[in-house]
N, C-alpha and C. Protein backbone atom coordinates (compact mmCIF):
# COMPACT_ATOMS: atom_id res chain seq x y z
N MET A 1 36.21 24.54 91.83
CA MET A 1 35.50 23.31 92.23
C MET A 1 34.02 23.48 91.95
N THR A 2 33.45 22.54 91.24
CA THR A 2 32.02 22.55 90.94
C THR A 2 31.29 21.66 91.92
N LEU A 3 30.21 22.18 92.51
CA LEU A 3 29.45 21.40 93.48
C LEU A 3 28.20 20.82 92.82
N GLN A 4 27.82 19.65 93.32
CA GLN A 4 26.55 19.06 92.91
C GLN A 4 25.45 20.08 93.15
N ALA A 5 24.57 20.28 92.17
CA ALA A 5 23.55 21.32 92.26
C ALA A 5 22.68 21.18 93.50
N GLU A 6 22.28 19.97 93.79
CA GLU A 6 21.40 19.74 94.94
C GLU A 6 22.14 18.91 95.98
N PRO A 7 22.40 19.47 97.16
CA PRO A 7 23.09 18.69 98.19
C PRO A 7 22.18 17.59 98.73
N LEU A 8 22.81 16.58 99.31
CA LEU A 8 22.06 15.55 100.03
C LEU A 8 21.77 16.09 101.42
N LEU A 9 20.51 16.03 101.83
CA LEU A 9 20.11 16.53 103.15
C LEU A 9 20.01 15.36 104.12
N ALA A 10 20.55 15.53 105.30
CA ALA A 10 20.59 14.42 106.25
C ALA A 10 20.60 14.93 107.68
N ASP A 11 20.24 14.03 108.57
CA ASP A 11 20.38 14.29 110.01
C ASP A 11 21.64 13.65 110.56
N ALA A 12 22.20 12.66 109.83
CA ALA A 12 23.39 11.97 110.31
C ALA A 12 24.12 11.32 109.15
N LEU A 13 25.42 11.08 109.36
CA LEU A 13 26.27 10.42 108.36
C LEU A 13 26.77 9.11 108.93
N LEU A 14 26.72 8.06 108.11
CA LEU A 14 27.16 6.72 108.52
C LEU A 14 28.27 6.27 107.58
N PHE A 15 29.47 6.07 108.13
CA PHE A 15 30.64 5.74 107.33
C PHE A 15 31.06 4.29 107.52
N ASP A 16 31.22 3.57 106.42
CA ASP A 16 31.97 2.32 106.46
C ASP A 16 33.41 2.67 106.86
N MET A 17 34.19 1.69 107.27
CA MET A 17 35.56 1.97 107.70
C MET A 17 36.59 1.58 106.65
N ASP A 18 36.79 0.29 106.41
CA ASP A 18 37.83 -0.18 105.50
C ASP A 18 37.46 0.14 104.06
N GLY A 19 38.36 0.83 103.37
CA GLY A 19 38.11 1.21 101.99
C GLY A 19 37.37 2.51 101.85
N THR A 20 36.80 3.01 102.92
CA THR A 20 36.09 4.28 102.91
C THR A 20 36.85 5.33 103.71
N LEU A 21 37.22 4.97 104.93
CA LEU A 21 38.01 5.86 105.78
C LEU A 21 39.48 5.44 105.83
N ILE A 22 39.73 4.14 105.81
CA ILE A 22 41.08 3.60 106.00
C ILE A 22 41.44 2.69 104.84
N ASP A 23 42.69 2.80 104.37
CA ASP A 23 43.19 1.88 103.34
C ASP A 23 43.84 0.68 104.04
N SER A 24 43.13 -0.42 104.06
CA SER A 24 43.62 -1.65 104.69
C SER A 24 43.70 -2.80 103.71
N THR A 25 43.58 -2.52 102.41
CA THR A 25 43.45 -3.57 101.41
C THR A 25 44.61 -4.56 101.44
N ALA A 26 45.84 -4.05 101.45
CA ALA A 26 46.99 -4.95 101.41
C ALA A 26 47.04 -5.86 102.63
N ALA A 27 46.78 -5.27 103.81
CA ALA A 27 46.80 -6.06 105.05
C ALA A 27 45.71 -7.12 105.04
N VAL A 28 44.53 -6.76 104.57
CA VAL A 28 43.41 -7.70 104.53
C VAL A 28 43.71 -8.85 103.59
N GLU A 29 44.18 -8.53 102.39
CA GLU A 29 44.46 -9.58 101.41
C GLU A 29 45.55 -10.53 101.91
N GLU A 30 46.58 -9.99 102.53
CA GLU A 30 47.66 -10.82 103.06
C GLU A 30 47.15 -11.75 104.16
N ALA A 31 46.33 -11.19 105.07
CA ALA A 31 45.82 -12.00 106.18
C ALA A 31 44.92 -13.12 105.69
N TRP A 32 44.01 -12.82 104.77
CA TRP A 32 43.08 -13.85 104.30
C TRP A 32 43.81 -14.91 103.48
N SER A 33 44.82 -14.52 102.74
CA SER A 33 45.59 -15.49 101.97
C SER A 33 46.30 -16.46 102.91
N GLN A 34 46.92 -15.93 103.96
CA GLN A 34 47.60 -16.80 104.92
C GLN A 34 46.61 -17.67 105.66
N TRP A 35 45.47 -17.10 106.03
CA TRP A 35 44.42 -17.85 106.74
C TRP A 35 43.94 -19.01 105.89
N GLY A 36 43.67 -18.77 104.61
CA GLY A 36 43.21 -19.82 103.73
C GLY A 36 44.23 -20.94 103.60
N ALA A 37 45.50 -20.55 103.52
CA ALA A 37 46.57 -21.55 103.41
C ALA A 37 46.65 -22.39 104.68
N GLU A 38 46.53 -21.76 105.84
CA GLU A 38 46.59 -22.50 107.10
C GLU A 38 45.48 -23.53 107.22
N TYR A 39 44.32 -23.18 106.70
CA TYR A 39 43.17 -24.08 106.81
C TYR A 39 43.02 -25.00 105.59
N GLY A 40 43.97 -24.90 104.67
CA GLY A 40 43.93 -25.78 103.51
C GLY A 40 42.79 -25.50 102.57
N ILE A 41 42.36 -24.27 102.48
CA ILE A 41 41.26 -23.91 101.59
C ILE A 41 41.83 -23.55 100.23
N PRO A 42 41.45 -24.21 99.18
CA PRO A 42 41.97 -23.87 97.85
C PRO A 42 41.69 -22.41 97.52
N PRO A 43 42.66 -21.71 96.93
CA PRO A 43 42.47 -20.28 96.63
C PRO A 43 41.20 -19.98 95.85
N GLY A 44 40.86 -20.85 94.89
CA GLY A 44 39.65 -20.61 94.12
C GLY A 44 38.39 -20.67 94.97
N ARG A 45 38.37 -21.63 95.91
CA ARG A 45 37.20 -21.73 96.78
C ARG A 45 37.11 -20.53 97.72
N LEU A 46 38.26 -20.12 98.25
CA LEU A 46 38.26 -18.96 99.14
C LEU A 46 37.80 -17.71 98.40
N ALA A 47 38.30 -17.52 97.19
CA ALA A 47 37.91 -16.35 96.40
C ALA A 47 36.41 -16.35 96.13
N GLY A 48 35.82 -17.53 96.03
CA GLY A 48 34.40 -17.62 95.74
C GLY A 48 33.49 -17.21 96.88
N VAL A 49 34.03 -17.20 98.11
CA VAL A 49 33.19 -16.83 99.25
C VAL A 49 33.59 -15.50 99.87
N LEU A 50 34.80 -15.03 99.56
CA LEU A 50 35.22 -13.74 100.10
C LEU A 50 34.40 -12.63 99.46
N GLY A 51 34.12 -11.62 100.24
CA GLY A 51 33.43 -10.45 99.72
C GLY A 51 33.80 -9.25 100.56
N HIS A 52 34.29 -8.19 99.92
CA HIS A 52 34.69 -7.01 100.67
C HIS A 52 33.47 -6.42 101.37
N GLY A 53 33.61 -6.15 102.65
CA GLY A 53 32.52 -5.57 103.42
C GLY A 53 31.62 -6.58 104.09
N ILE A 54 31.88 -7.87 103.89
CA ILE A 54 31.07 -8.91 104.51
C ILE A 54 31.79 -9.40 105.76
N PRO A 55 31.11 -9.54 106.89
CA PRO A 55 31.78 -9.96 108.12
C PRO A 55 32.47 -11.31 107.99
N ALA A 56 33.61 -11.43 108.68
CA ALA A 56 34.38 -12.68 108.66
C ALA A 56 33.54 -13.86 109.12
N ARG A 57 32.67 -13.64 110.09
CA ARG A 57 31.82 -14.72 110.59
C ARG A 57 30.96 -15.30 109.48
N GLN A 58 30.39 -14.44 108.65
CA GLN A 58 29.54 -14.92 107.57
C GLN A 58 30.35 -15.67 106.51
N ILE A 59 31.59 -15.25 106.29
CA ILE A 59 32.45 -15.96 105.35
C ILE A 59 32.81 -17.34 105.91
N ALA A 60 33.20 -17.38 107.18
CA ALA A 60 33.58 -18.65 107.80
C ALA A 60 32.40 -19.63 107.83
N GLU A 61 31.20 -19.11 107.99
CA GLU A 61 30.01 -19.98 108.03
C GLU A 61 29.80 -20.70 106.70
N ARG A 62 30.33 -20.15 105.63
CA ARG A 62 30.20 -20.79 104.32
C ARG A 62 31.25 -21.88 104.10
N LEU A 63 32.25 -21.91 104.97
CA LEU A 63 33.38 -22.81 104.76
C LEU A 63 33.51 -23.93 105.78
N PHE A 64 32.96 -23.72 106.98
CA PHE A 64 33.21 -24.66 108.08
C PHE A 64 31.91 -25.09 108.74
N PRO A 65 31.92 -26.27 109.36
CA PRO A 65 30.80 -26.65 110.23
C PRO A 65 30.66 -25.62 111.35
N ALA A 66 29.46 -25.49 111.88
CA ALA A 66 29.18 -24.46 112.87
C ALA A 66 30.14 -24.51 114.06
N ALA A 67 30.51 -25.72 114.50
CA ALA A 67 31.36 -25.85 115.68
C ALA A 67 32.77 -25.29 115.45
N GLU A 68 33.19 -25.21 114.19
CA GLU A 68 34.54 -24.75 113.88
C GLU A 68 34.61 -23.26 113.57
N VAL A 69 33.46 -22.63 113.40
CA VAL A 69 33.44 -21.22 112.99
C VAL A 69 34.09 -20.29 114.01
N PRO A 70 33.77 -20.37 115.31
CA PRO A 70 34.37 -19.41 116.26
C PRO A 70 35.89 -19.40 116.24
N ALA A 71 36.52 -20.56 116.20
CA ALA A 71 37.98 -20.60 116.20
C ALA A 71 38.55 -20.03 114.90
N ALA A 72 37.89 -20.32 113.79
CA ALA A 72 38.36 -19.79 112.50
C ALA A 72 38.25 -18.28 112.46
N VAL A 73 37.17 -17.74 113.01
CA VAL A 73 36.99 -16.28 113.05
C VAL A 73 38.01 -15.64 113.98
N ALA A 74 38.25 -16.26 115.12
CA ALA A 74 39.24 -15.73 116.06
C ALA A 74 40.62 -15.70 115.43
N ARG A 75 40.93 -16.70 114.60
CA ARG A 75 42.24 -16.75 113.97
C ARG A 75 42.42 -15.63 112.95
N ILE A 76 41.42 -15.40 112.08
CA ILE A 76 41.57 -14.33 111.09
C ILE A 76 41.57 -12.97 111.77
N GLU A 77 40.82 -12.83 112.84
CA GLU A 77 40.83 -11.56 113.57
C GLU A 77 42.23 -11.27 114.12
N ARG A 78 42.87 -12.29 114.70
CA ARG A 78 44.20 -12.11 115.24
C ARG A 78 45.20 -11.73 114.14
N MET A 79 45.07 -12.40 112.99
CA MET A 79 45.96 -12.11 111.87
C MET A 79 45.81 -10.67 111.40
N GLU A 80 44.58 -10.20 111.35
CA GLU A 80 44.35 -8.84 110.88
C GLU A 80 44.78 -7.80 111.92
N ILE A 81 44.57 -8.07 113.18
CA ILE A 81 45.04 -7.16 114.23
C ILE A 81 46.55 -7.03 114.19
N ASP A 82 47.23 -8.11 113.87
CA ASP A 82 48.70 -8.10 113.81
C ASP A 82 49.23 -7.28 112.63
N ARG A 83 48.34 -6.84 111.75
CA ARG A 83 48.76 -6.12 110.55
C ARG A 83 48.25 -4.68 110.51
N VAL A 84 48.04 -4.04 111.63
CA VAL A 84 47.49 -2.69 111.63
C VAL A 84 48.55 -1.60 111.50
N SER A 85 49.81 -1.95 111.63
CA SER A 85 50.84 -0.91 111.69
C SER A 85 51.00 -0.15 110.37
N GLY A 86 50.67 -0.76 109.25
CA GLY A 86 50.87 -0.10 107.96
C GLY A 86 49.63 0.58 107.40
N LEU A 87 48.57 0.69 108.17
CA LEU A 87 47.33 1.28 107.66
C LEU A 87 47.45 2.79 107.52
N VAL A 88 46.73 3.35 106.56
CA VAL A 88 46.72 4.80 106.35
C VAL A 88 45.29 5.29 106.18
N VAL A 89 45.09 6.55 106.53
CA VAL A 89 43.79 7.19 106.32
C VAL A 89 43.69 7.63 104.87
N LEU A 90 42.55 7.41 104.25
CA LEU A 90 42.35 7.75 102.85
C LEU A 90 42.20 9.27 102.65
N PRO A 91 42.43 9.75 101.43
CA PRO A 91 42.36 11.19 101.16
C PRO A 91 41.01 11.80 101.53
N GLY A 92 41.08 12.98 102.13
CA GLY A 92 39.87 13.74 102.44
C GLY A 92 39.18 13.37 103.73
N VAL A 93 39.58 12.26 104.34
CA VAL A 93 38.85 11.77 105.51
C VAL A 93 39.01 12.70 106.71
N ARG A 94 40.24 13.01 107.07
CA ARG A 94 40.44 13.84 108.26
C ARG A 94 39.80 15.22 108.07
N GLU A 95 39.93 15.77 106.88
CA GLU A 95 39.36 17.09 106.62
C GLU A 95 37.83 17.08 106.72
N LEU A 96 37.23 16.04 106.16
CA LEU A 96 35.77 15.95 106.20
C LEU A 96 35.26 15.80 107.63
N LEU A 97 35.88 14.90 108.39
CA LEU A 97 35.43 14.69 109.76
C LEU A 97 35.66 15.93 110.62
N ALA A 98 36.77 16.63 110.38
CA ALA A 98 37.05 17.84 111.15
C ALA A 98 36.08 18.96 110.83
N ALA A 99 35.50 18.94 109.63
CA ALA A 99 34.61 20.01 109.20
C ALA A 99 33.16 19.78 109.62
N LEU A 100 32.87 18.62 110.20
CA LEU A 100 31.49 18.38 110.63
C LEU A 100 31.10 19.40 111.69
N PRO A 101 29.91 19.96 111.60
CA PRO A 101 29.48 20.94 112.60
C PRO A 101 29.49 20.35 114.00
N ASP A 102 29.75 21.19 114.99
CA ASP A 102 29.70 20.73 116.38
C ASP A 102 28.36 20.06 116.64
N GLY A 103 28.42 18.87 117.19
CA GLY A 103 27.18 18.15 117.48
C GLY A 103 26.63 17.40 116.29
N GLY A 104 27.31 17.52 115.11
CA GLY A 104 26.85 16.77 113.95
C GLY A 104 26.90 15.28 114.21
N ALA A 105 25.82 14.58 113.94
CA ALA A 105 25.73 13.16 114.27
C ALA A 105 26.40 12.33 113.18
N TRP A 106 27.32 11.45 113.58
CA TRP A 106 27.92 10.53 112.63
C TRP A 106 28.39 9.28 113.36
N ALA A 107 28.58 8.23 112.59
CA ALA A 107 29.00 6.95 113.16
C ALA A 107 29.83 6.20 112.14
N ILE A 108 30.64 5.28 112.63
CA ILE A 108 31.32 4.30 111.78
C ILE A 108 30.57 2.99 111.92
N VAL A 109 30.23 2.40 110.78
CA VAL A 109 29.49 1.14 110.74
C VAL A 109 30.33 0.16 109.92
N THR A 110 30.97 -0.78 110.60
CA THR A 110 31.94 -1.66 109.96
C THR A 110 31.58 -3.12 110.11
N SER A 111 32.09 -3.93 109.17
CA SER A 111 31.89 -5.37 109.25
C SER A 111 32.95 -6.06 110.09
N CYS A 112 33.92 -5.29 110.59
CA CYS A 112 34.94 -5.85 111.48
C CYS A 112 34.33 -6.18 112.84
N THR A 113 34.99 -7.05 113.58
CA THR A 113 34.67 -7.22 114.99
C THR A 113 35.11 -5.97 115.73
N ARG A 114 34.61 -5.78 116.94
CA ARG A 114 34.98 -4.59 117.71
C ARG A 114 36.48 -4.53 118.02
N PRO A 115 37.11 -5.64 118.47
CA PRO A 115 38.55 -5.53 118.73
C PRO A 115 39.36 -5.13 117.50
N LEU A 116 39.00 -5.68 116.33
CA LEU A 116 39.73 -5.35 115.12
C LEU A 116 39.46 -3.90 114.71
N ALA A 117 38.20 -3.48 114.77
CA ALA A 117 37.87 -2.10 114.41
C ALA A 117 38.61 -1.11 115.30
N GLU A 118 38.61 -1.37 116.60
CA GLU A 118 39.28 -0.46 117.53
C GLU A 118 40.79 -0.45 117.29
N ALA A 119 41.36 -1.61 116.96
CA ALA A 119 42.79 -1.67 116.67
C ALA A 119 43.14 -0.84 115.44
N ARG A 120 42.33 -0.93 114.41
CA ARG A 120 42.60 -0.17 113.19
C ARG A 120 42.40 1.33 113.42
N LEU A 121 41.35 1.70 114.10
CA LEU A 121 41.11 3.12 114.36
C LEU A 121 42.20 3.71 115.24
N ASN A 122 42.61 2.99 116.25
CA ASN A 122 43.68 3.47 117.12
C ASN A 122 44.99 3.62 116.34
N ALA A 123 45.23 2.70 115.39
CA ALA A 123 46.48 2.73 114.64
C ALA A 123 46.60 3.98 113.77
N VAL A 124 45.46 4.50 113.31
CA VAL A 124 45.51 5.67 112.43
C VAL A 124 45.04 6.95 113.12
N GLY A 125 44.66 6.84 114.38
CA GLY A 125 44.28 8.02 115.14
C GLY A 125 42.91 8.58 114.82
N LEU A 126 41.97 7.71 114.51
CA LEU A 126 40.58 8.13 114.29
C LEU A 126 39.71 7.66 115.46
N GLU A 127 38.71 8.46 115.77
CA GLU A 127 37.77 8.10 116.84
C GLU A 127 36.38 8.56 116.44
N ALA A 128 35.42 7.69 116.57
CA ALA A 128 34.04 8.01 116.21
C ALA A 128 33.17 8.13 117.45
N PRO A 129 32.17 9.00 117.42
CA PRO A 129 31.26 9.09 118.56
C PRO A 129 30.43 7.83 118.75
N VAL A 130 30.18 7.11 117.64
CA VAL A 130 29.43 5.85 117.67
C VAL A 130 30.14 4.86 116.76
N LEU A 131 30.34 3.65 117.25
CA LEU A 131 30.98 2.59 116.46
C LEU A 131 30.09 1.36 116.48
N VAL A 132 29.62 0.94 115.31
CA VAL A 132 28.84 -0.28 115.16
C VAL A 132 29.71 -1.31 114.47
N THR A 133 29.81 -2.50 115.05
CA THR A 133 30.66 -3.56 114.50
C THR A 133 29.86 -4.83 114.25
N ALA A 134 30.54 -5.83 113.71
CA ALA A 134 29.88 -7.11 113.47
C ALA A 134 29.41 -7.76 114.76
N ASP A 135 30.02 -7.39 115.88
CA ASP A 135 29.62 -7.96 117.17
C ASP A 135 28.27 -7.44 117.65
N ASP A 136 27.77 -6.37 117.03
CA ASP A 136 26.57 -5.70 117.52
C ASP A 136 25.30 -6.13 116.81
N VAL A 137 25.42 -6.93 115.75
CA VAL A 137 24.25 -7.33 114.96
C VAL A 137 24.29 -8.83 114.68
N ALA A 138 23.13 -9.40 114.49
CA ALA A 138 23.05 -10.84 114.19
C ALA A 138 23.50 -11.13 112.77
N ARG A 139 23.16 -10.25 111.83
CA ARG A 139 23.57 -10.41 110.44
C ARG A 139 24.20 -9.11 109.95
N GLY A 140 25.32 -9.26 109.25
CA GLY A 140 26.03 -8.09 108.75
C GLY A 140 25.63 -7.74 107.33
N LYS A 141 26.32 -6.76 106.77
CA LYS A 141 26.09 -6.34 105.39
C LYS A 141 26.19 -7.55 104.46
N PRO A 142 25.33 -7.66 103.47
CA PRO A 142 24.40 -6.68 102.92
C PRO A 142 23.06 -6.53 103.64
N ASP A 143 22.88 -7.19 104.77
CA ASP A 143 21.68 -6.97 105.57
C ASP A 143 21.68 -5.52 106.06
N PRO A 144 20.51 -4.87 106.13
CA PRO A 144 20.48 -3.47 106.56
C PRO A 144 20.69 -3.25 108.05
N ALA A 145 20.71 -4.32 108.85
CA ALA A 145 20.75 -4.18 110.30
C ALA A 145 21.89 -3.29 110.81
N PRO A 146 23.12 -3.38 110.28
CA PRO A 146 24.18 -2.53 110.81
C PRO A 146 23.87 -1.03 110.66
N PHE A 147 23.37 -0.63 109.51
CA PHE A 147 23.08 0.78 109.31
C PHE A 147 21.82 1.21 110.06
N GLU A 148 20.87 0.32 110.18
CA GLU A 148 19.69 0.64 111.00
C GLU A 148 20.09 0.89 112.44
N LEU A 149 21.00 0.06 112.96
CA LEU A 149 21.47 0.25 114.33
C LEU A 149 22.29 1.54 114.44
N GLY A 150 23.15 1.80 113.47
CA GLY A 150 23.93 3.03 113.49
C GLY A 150 23.04 4.26 113.53
N ALA A 151 22.00 4.27 112.71
CA ALA A 151 21.07 5.39 112.70
C ALA A 151 20.39 5.54 114.06
N LYS A 152 19.96 4.43 114.62
CA LYS A 152 19.29 4.47 115.92
C LYS A 152 20.21 5.04 116.99
N LEU A 153 21.47 4.62 117.00
CA LEU A 153 22.39 5.04 118.05
C LEU A 153 22.78 6.52 117.94
N VAL A 154 22.71 7.09 116.74
CA VAL A 154 22.98 8.52 116.61
C VAL A 154 21.71 9.35 116.67
N GLY A 155 20.58 8.68 116.89
CA GLY A 155 19.32 9.39 117.09
C GLY A 155 18.68 9.90 115.82
N ALA A 156 18.87 9.18 114.72
CA ALA A 156 18.30 9.61 113.45
C ALA A 156 17.53 8.46 112.81
N ALA A 157 16.57 8.82 111.98
CA ALA A 157 15.90 7.81 111.15
C ALA A 157 16.85 7.42 110.04
N ALA A 158 16.90 6.13 109.70
CA ALA A 158 17.80 5.67 108.65
C ALA A 158 17.54 6.40 107.34
N ALA A 159 16.29 6.72 107.07
CA ALA A 159 15.94 7.42 105.84
C ALA A 159 16.46 8.85 105.81
N ARG A 160 16.93 9.34 106.95
CA ARG A 160 17.50 10.69 107.02
C ARG A 160 19.02 10.63 107.21
N CYS A 161 19.62 9.53 106.80
CA CYS A 161 21.07 9.37 106.89
C CYS A 161 21.68 9.26 105.49
N VAL A 162 22.96 9.59 105.41
CA VAL A 162 23.74 9.32 104.20
C VAL A 162 24.79 8.29 104.56
N VAL A 163 24.84 7.21 103.79
CA VAL A 163 25.80 6.13 103.98
C VAL A 163 26.94 6.30 102.99
N PHE A 164 28.17 6.20 103.48
CA PHE A 164 29.37 6.27 102.65
C PHE A 164 30.01 4.88 102.64
N GLU A 165 30.16 4.29 101.47
CA GLU A 165 30.59 2.90 101.34
C GLU A 165 31.42 2.68 100.09
N ASP A 166 32.40 1.78 100.18
CA ASP A 166 33.20 1.41 99.01
C ASP A 166 32.82 0.06 98.43
N ALA A 167 31.97 -0.70 99.11
CA ALA A 167 31.70 -2.08 98.70
C ALA A 167 30.24 -2.26 98.27
N PRO A 168 30.01 -3.06 97.24
CA PRO A 168 28.63 -3.33 96.83
C PRO A 168 27.76 -3.86 97.96
N ALA A 169 28.31 -4.74 98.80
CA ALA A 169 27.52 -5.28 99.91
C ALA A 169 27.10 -4.18 100.87
N GLY A 170 27.98 -3.25 101.14
CA GLY A 170 27.65 -2.15 102.04
C GLY A 170 26.64 -1.20 101.45
N LEU A 171 26.78 -0.91 100.17
CA LEU A 171 25.81 -0.04 99.52
C LEU A 171 24.43 -0.70 99.49
N ALA A 172 24.40 -2.01 99.27
CA ALA A 172 23.12 -2.72 99.30
C ALA A 172 22.49 -2.61 100.67
N ALA A 173 23.31 -2.71 101.72
CA ALA A 173 22.80 -2.58 103.08
C ALA A 173 22.26 -1.18 103.33
N GLY A 174 22.97 -0.16 102.86
CA GLY A 174 22.51 1.21 103.03
C GLY A 174 21.20 1.46 102.32
N ARG A 175 21.08 0.98 101.09
CA ARG A 175 19.83 1.15 100.35
C ARG A 175 18.68 0.44 101.05
N ALA A 176 18.95 -0.78 101.52
CA ALA A 176 17.90 -1.55 102.19
C ALA A 176 17.44 -0.88 103.47
N ALA A 177 18.35 -0.12 104.10
CA ALA A 177 17.98 0.61 105.31
C ALA A 177 17.18 1.87 104.99
N GLY A 178 17.17 2.26 103.73
CA GLY A 178 16.43 3.45 103.32
C GLY A 178 17.25 4.72 103.27
N ALA A 179 18.57 4.60 103.42
CA ALA A 179 19.45 5.76 103.45
C ALA A 179 19.85 6.19 102.05
N ALA A 180 20.26 7.45 101.91
CA ALA A 180 20.93 7.90 100.70
C ALA A 180 22.34 7.30 100.71
N THR A 181 22.92 7.07 99.54
CA THR A 181 24.21 6.38 99.49
C THR A 181 25.22 7.14 98.63
N VAL A 182 26.46 7.16 99.13
CA VAL A 182 27.59 7.71 98.38
C VAL A 182 28.61 6.59 98.24
N GLY A 183 28.87 6.17 97.02
CA GLY A 183 29.87 5.14 96.76
C GLY A 183 31.24 5.76 96.63
N VAL A 184 32.24 5.08 97.18
CA VAL A 184 33.62 5.54 97.12
C VAL A 184 34.42 4.51 96.33
N SER A 185 34.96 4.91 95.18
CA SER A 185 35.56 3.92 94.27
C SER A 185 37.03 3.68 94.58
N THR A 186 37.29 3.25 95.79
CA THR A 186 38.66 2.95 96.22
C THR A 186 39.01 1.48 96.04
N THR A 187 38.05 0.59 96.23
CA THR A 187 38.30 -0.85 96.10
C THR A 187 37.52 -1.49 94.96
N HIS A 188 36.54 -0.78 94.44
CA HIS A 188 35.75 -1.26 93.30
C HIS A 188 35.62 -0.11 92.30
N SER A 189 35.42 -0.47 91.04
CA SER A 189 35.24 0.57 90.03
C SER A 189 33.89 1.24 90.22
N ALA A 190 33.77 2.44 89.71
CA ALA A 190 32.51 3.18 89.82
C ALA A 190 31.36 2.40 89.20
N LEU A 191 31.64 1.63 88.14
CA LEU A 191 30.58 0.87 87.48
C LEU A 191 30.03 -0.24 88.37
N GLU A 192 30.81 -0.66 89.37
CA GLU A 192 30.36 -1.73 90.27
C GLU A 192 29.57 -1.20 91.45
N LEU A 193 29.50 0.11 91.60
CA LEU A 193 28.90 0.70 92.79
C LEU A 193 27.53 1.29 92.47
N ASP A 194 26.51 0.70 93.03
CA ASP A 194 25.13 1.16 92.84
C ASP A 194 24.81 2.14 93.97
N ALA A 195 24.98 3.42 93.70
CA ALA A 195 24.81 4.44 94.73
C ALA A 195 24.15 5.67 94.13
N ASP A 196 23.64 6.54 94.99
CA ASP A 196 23.06 7.80 94.51
C ASP A 196 24.12 8.68 93.87
N VAL A 197 25.32 8.66 94.44
CA VAL A 197 26.46 9.42 93.93
C VAL A 197 27.70 8.55 94.12
N VAL A 198 28.66 8.61 93.20
CA VAL A 198 29.93 7.91 93.35
C VAL A 198 31.06 8.92 93.26
N VAL A 199 32.01 8.83 94.19
CA VAL A 199 33.17 9.71 94.22
C VAL A 199 34.44 8.86 94.25
N ALA A 200 35.56 9.49 93.89
CA ALA A 200 36.83 8.77 93.93
C ALA A 200 37.29 8.56 95.36
N ASP A 201 37.10 9.56 96.20
CA ASP A 201 37.42 9.47 97.62
C ASP A 201 36.70 10.61 98.33
N LEU A 202 36.86 10.70 99.63
CA LEU A 202 36.07 11.67 100.40
C LEU A 202 36.58 13.10 100.29
N SER A 203 37.66 13.32 99.55
CA SER A 203 38.07 14.70 99.29
C SER A 203 37.06 15.41 98.38
N ALA A 204 36.18 14.64 97.75
CA ALA A 204 35.14 15.22 96.90
C ALA A 204 33.88 15.59 97.68
N VAL A 205 33.90 15.38 98.98
CA VAL A 205 32.70 15.59 99.81
C VAL A 205 32.96 16.72 100.80
N SER A 206 32.00 17.61 100.94
CA SER A 206 32.04 18.63 101.99
C SER A 206 30.69 18.66 102.68
N VAL A 207 30.70 19.04 103.94
CA VAL A 207 29.48 19.01 104.74
C VAL A 207 29.35 20.31 105.53
N GLY A 208 28.15 20.82 105.58
CA GLY A 208 27.87 21.98 106.41
C GLY A 208 26.51 21.85 107.07
N GLY A 209 26.23 22.69 108.01
CA GLY A 209 24.93 22.68 108.67
C GLY A 209 23.87 23.29 107.78
N ASP A 210 22.63 22.91 108.04
CA ASP A 210 21.52 23.47 107.25
C ASP A 210 20.79 24.57 107.99
N GLY A 211 21.32 24.96 109.16
CA GLY A 211 20.70 26.02 109.94
C GLY A 211 19.57 25.56 110.82
N ASP A 212 19.23 24.28 110.72
CA ASP A 212 18.12 23.75 111.51
C ASP A 212 18.52 22.45 112.21
N GLY A 213 19.81 22.27 112.43
CA GLY A 213 20.29 21.08 113.14
C GLY A 213 20.63 19.92 112.24
N GLY A 214 20.36 20.04 110.94
CA GLY A 214 20.67 18.97 110.02
C GLY A 214 21.95 19.25 109.25
N LEU A 215 22.23 18.42 108.24
CA LEU A 215 23.47 18.50 107.47
C LEU A 215 23.15 18.61 105.99
N ARG A 216 24.01 19.35 105.30
CA ARG A 216 23.94 19.46 103.83
C ARG A 216 25.24 18.87 103.28
N VAL A 217 25.13 17.79 102.52
CA VAL A 217 26.28 17.08 101.98
C VAL A 217 26.46 17.48 100.53
N HIS A 218 27.59 18.14 100.22
CA HIS A 218 27.88 18.58 98.86
C HIS A 218 28.92 17.66 98.23
N ILE A 219 28.73 17.35 96.97
CA ILE A 219 29.66 16.52 96.22
C ILE A 219 30.27 17.37 95.12
N SER A 220 31.59 17.45 95.07
CA SER A 220 32.26 18.21 94.02
C SER A 220 32.44 17.34 92.79
N GLY A 221 32.46 17.97 91.65
CA GLY A 221 32.61 17.22 90.42
C GLY A 221 33.37 18.01 89.37
């Protein structure tokens, strides 16, 4: 295994959830397709506003009057929660999280609502010391607010964090927050991911302590 010559140095790691830690693509696509059909939204119009990593609330705001948004969001959330049984953890995730040094700061920063995020994490047996969801910020990805909050809650400056993301919107949010970025090409091609480093999955990532309370993130190639 060849390691990246210079590791990324960080005080904390911030992980997106869907497409980065958990494979939920099939469940998500099925739920949104059914949701669009229920609301009579033409597939082409729905495809034009959907974006991986963008909160459901922001998508619904593009489609409905403000008064109808809460019910539409509640409906898609219910549909997605009902589809958590088939979710799987992506390669390298459990090993990477288990290898984090004791006390190593990390968080999951997701565009899901808290009930949906907790349902998915419980379904696959993952637990994070800090969980930031769409319910915790006024604007979600690609706005930097989710990652800024994640950094704050783990006690690190955003500029001293590494963000792991599979979606262009999430990577844009990480860059805007000032963090280093690692793109994971699970849902988008590497060419679509604007990141400091792009990997196929998290099995290419290893983490160790730097001897001074920080983290050294190595990328294999």
